[in-house]
Amino acid sequence: MGKETIDVAWNDKMSFKTVLNGHELIIDAEDQVGGEDRGPRPKPLMLVSLAGCTGMDVVSILQKMRVTFDDFHVKIESELTDEHPKYYNKIHVIYEFTGRDLPMDKIKKAVSLSEDRYCGVSAVYKKAIQLTSEIRVIVPE
C-alpha cells in the first residue's frame, strides 16, 4: 500500500502553500472572507482532481486503442449544498471530444474503464457524492 504525505503551510491571512510533485501551489480565499485571492479555493481543486484523473485515464486508454481525436475536454458541473458544511452533493462529468469518425464504442469503453476501474478520485467521490457523466462528440465543419 502506498503512502503519501502532504505538507500545507500557512502563509498569512487565509493563504496556504504546498509543493506537489515539485510544483508550488498556493490556495487562498476570496477578499470578502479575509483572503487575497492569490490562488484557487480548496473545493474547486477537488473538481480539477477528478477531471484530471479521469481525463488522463481516458487519454491513456484511447491511445492504447489507437483512437485519435482533435481535441478533448473534461468539463465538470457541480452542485454545492446550501448549509454548512458546504460540500458537493452532485457532480456531472462531461467528456467532450472533437474529431471526425470517432469510434463511439471505444470512447464509451475508455470512459467506463476510467470511471469503474482506474480513477481513484472518482472511486472515492462515488462513496459520498452523486456522480453522473455523459459523452459529447463535436464534429468539426
Protein backbone atom coordinates (compact mmCIF):
# COMPACT_ATOMS: atom_id res chain seq x y z
CA MET A 1 0.00 0.00 0.00
CA GLY A 2 1.37 3.42 -0.96
CA LYS A 3 1.66 6.26 1.46
CA GLU A 4 1.72 9.94 0.63
CA THR A 5 2.33 12.88 2.95
CA ILE A 6 1.29 16.42 2.09
CA ASP A 7 2.54 19.48 3.97
CA VAL A 8 0.41 22.60 3.55
CA ALA A 9 1.95 25.62 5.25
CA TRP A 10 0.12 28.77 6.27
CA ASN A 11 1.47 31.88 4.53
CA ASP A 12 -0.61 34.64 6.07
CA LYS A 13 -4.24 35.72 6.29
CA MET A 14 -6.13 32.85 4.54
CA SER A 15 -3.32 31.78 2.22
CA PHE A 16 -1.61 28.38 2.31
CA LYS A 17 1.25 26.98 0.22
CA THR A 18 2.32 23.47 -0.66
CA VAL A 19 4.64 21.78 -3.10
CA LEU A 20 3.13 18.91 -5.10
CA ASN A 21 5.37 16.84 -7.35
CA GLY A 22 7.88 19.69 -7.35
CA HIS A 23 5.29 22.35 -8.23
CA GLU A 24 4.34 25.11 -5.84
CA LEU A 25 0.64 25.55 -5.27
CA ILE A 26 -0.98 28.37 -3.33
CA ILE A 27 -4.56 28.18 -2.15
CA ASP A 28 -6.36 31.22 -0.83
CA ALA A 29 -9.76 32.61 -0.01
CA GLU A 30 -11.72 35.48 -1.53
CA ASP A 31 -11.25 39.05 -0.35
CA GLN A 32 -14.70 39.01 1.31
CA VAL A 33 -13.60 36.36 3.83
CA GLY A 34 -10.13 37.67 4.60
CA GLY A 35 -8.12 36.25 1.72
CA GLU A 36 -6.25 37.98 -1.07
CA ASP A 37 -7.29 35.71 -3.95
CA ARG A 38 -3.69 34.56 -4.54
CA GLY A 39 -4.76 31.07 -5.60
CA PRO A 40 -7.67 28.73 -6.12
CA ARG A 41 -10.07 27.63 -3.40
CA PRO A 42 -9.76 24.11 -1.96
CA LYS A 43 -13.17 22.75 -3.01
CA PRO A 44 -12.86 23.53 -6.75
CA LEU A 45 -9.49 21.76 -6.67
CA MET A 46 -11.49 18.62 -5.88
CA LEU A 47 -13.20 19.04 -9.23
CA VAL A 48 -9.88 19.62 -11.01
CA SER A 49 -8.54 16.43 -9.41
CA LEU A 50 -11.49 14.44 -10.69
CA ALA A 51 -11.25 15.90 -14.20
CA GLY A 52 -7.50 15.35 -14.38
CA CYS A 53 -7.65 11.80 -13.02
CA THR A 54 -10.36 10.54 -15.34
CA GLY A 55 -9.08 12.59 -18.28
CA MET A 56 -5.60 11.06 -18.04
CA ASP A 57 -7.12 7.59 -17.83
CA VAL A 58 -9.31 8.14 -20.89
CA VAL A 59 -6.44 9.52 -22.99
CA SER A 60 -4.15 6.66 -21.98
CA ILE A 61 -6.79 4.02 -22.76
CA LEU A 62 -7.71 5.58 -26.11
CA GLN A 63 -4.04 5.84 -27.10
CA LYS A 64 -3.68 2.11 -26.43
CA MET A 65 -6.77 1.55 -28.61
CA ARG A 66 -5.14 3.73 -31.29
CA VAL A 67 -8.01 6.20 -31.23
CA THR A 68 -7.06 9.72 -32.29
CA PHE A 69 -9.08 12.87 -31.77
CA ASP A 70 -8.53 16.56 -32.48
CA ASP A 71 -9.37 17.84 -29.00
CA PHE A 72 -10.60 16.57 -25.65
CA HIS A 73 -12.03 18.36 -22.63
CA VAL A 74 -13.32 17.08 -19.33
CA LYS A 75 -15.93 19.50 -18.06
CA ILE A 76 -17.38 19.32 -14.58
CA GLU A 77 -20.76 20.64 -13.47
CA SER A 78 -21.31 20.50 -9.73
CA GLU A 79 -23.90 21.31 -7.12
CA LEU A 80 -22.90 22.63 -3.71
CA THR A 81 -25.14 22.29 -0.67
CA ASP A 82 -26.57 25.46 0.91
CA GLU A 83 -25.93 24.55 4.55
CA HIS A 84 -22.59 24.31 6.35
CA PRO A 85 -20.52 22.33 5.96
CA LYS A 86 -20.98 23.11 2.27
CA TYR A 87 -19.99 20.22 0.06
CA TYR A 88 -20.59 18.88 -3.43
CA ASN A 89 -23.61 16.60 -3.38
CA LYS A 90 -23.84 16.22 -7.17
CA ILE A 91 -21.10 16.15 -9.79
CA HIS A 92 -21.68 15.67 -13.51
CA VAL A 93 -18.68 14.85 -15.71
CA ILE A 94 -18.84 15.73 -19.40
CA TYR A 95 -16.30 14.07 -21.68
CA GLU A 96 -16.16 16.27 -24.77
CA PHE A 97 -14.31 15.00 -27.83
CA THR A 98 -13.72 16.82 -31.10
CA GLY A 99 -12.94 14.85 -34.23
CA ARG A 100 -14.23 13.03 -37.27
CA ASP A 101 -15.31 9.40 -37.42
CA LEU A 102 -14.65 8.80 -33.75
CA PRO A 103 -15.40 5.21 -32.67
CA MET A 104 -18.11 5.72 -30.06
CA ASP A 105 -17.85 2.15 -28.77
CA LYS A 106 -14.18 2.63 -27.91
CA ILE A 107 -14.79 6.03 -26.34
CA LYS A 108 -17.58 4.58 -24.17
CA LYS A 109 -15.33 1.72 -23.12
CA ALA A 110 -12.46 4.07 -22.20
CA VAL A 111 -14.77 6.29 -20.13
CA SER A 112 -16.33 3.27 -18.43
CA LEU A 113 -12.94 1.78 -17.57
CA SER A 114 -11.81 5.06 -16.06
CA GLU A 115 -14.98 5.58 -14.04
CA ASP A 116 -15.37 2.00 -12.83
CA ARG A 117 -11.84 0.69 -12.55
CA TYR A 118 -8.93 3.12 -12.78
CA CYS A 119 -9.72 6.62 -11.49
CA GLY A 120 -9.12 6.62 -7.75
CA VAL A 121 -10.60 10.08 -7.36
CA SER A 122 -13.96 9.06 -8.80
CA ALA A 123 -13.88 5.84 -6.73
CA VAL A 124 -13.69 7.89 -3.53
CA TYR A 125 -16.19 10.54 -4.66
CA LYS A 126 -18.78 7.89 -5.63
CA LYS A 127 -18.97 6.88 -1.98
CA ALA A 128 -20.23 10.31 -0.92
CA ILE A 129 -21.42 12.19 -3.99
CA GLN A 130 -23.99 11.55 -6.72
CA LEU A 131 -21.65 11.20 -9.70
CA THR A 132 -23.01 11.13 -13.27
CA SER A 133 -21.44 11.54 -16.70
CA GLU A 134 -22.05 11.94 -20.40
CA ILE A 135 -20.04 11.84 -23.59
CA ARG A 136 -20.30 14.58 -26.20
CA VAL A 137 -18.77 14.47 -29.66
CA ILE A 138 -18.20 17.60 -31.71
CA VAL A 139 -17.61 17.10 -35.42
CA PRO A 140 -15.61 19.99 -36.89
CA GLU A 141 -17.00 21.65 -40.02
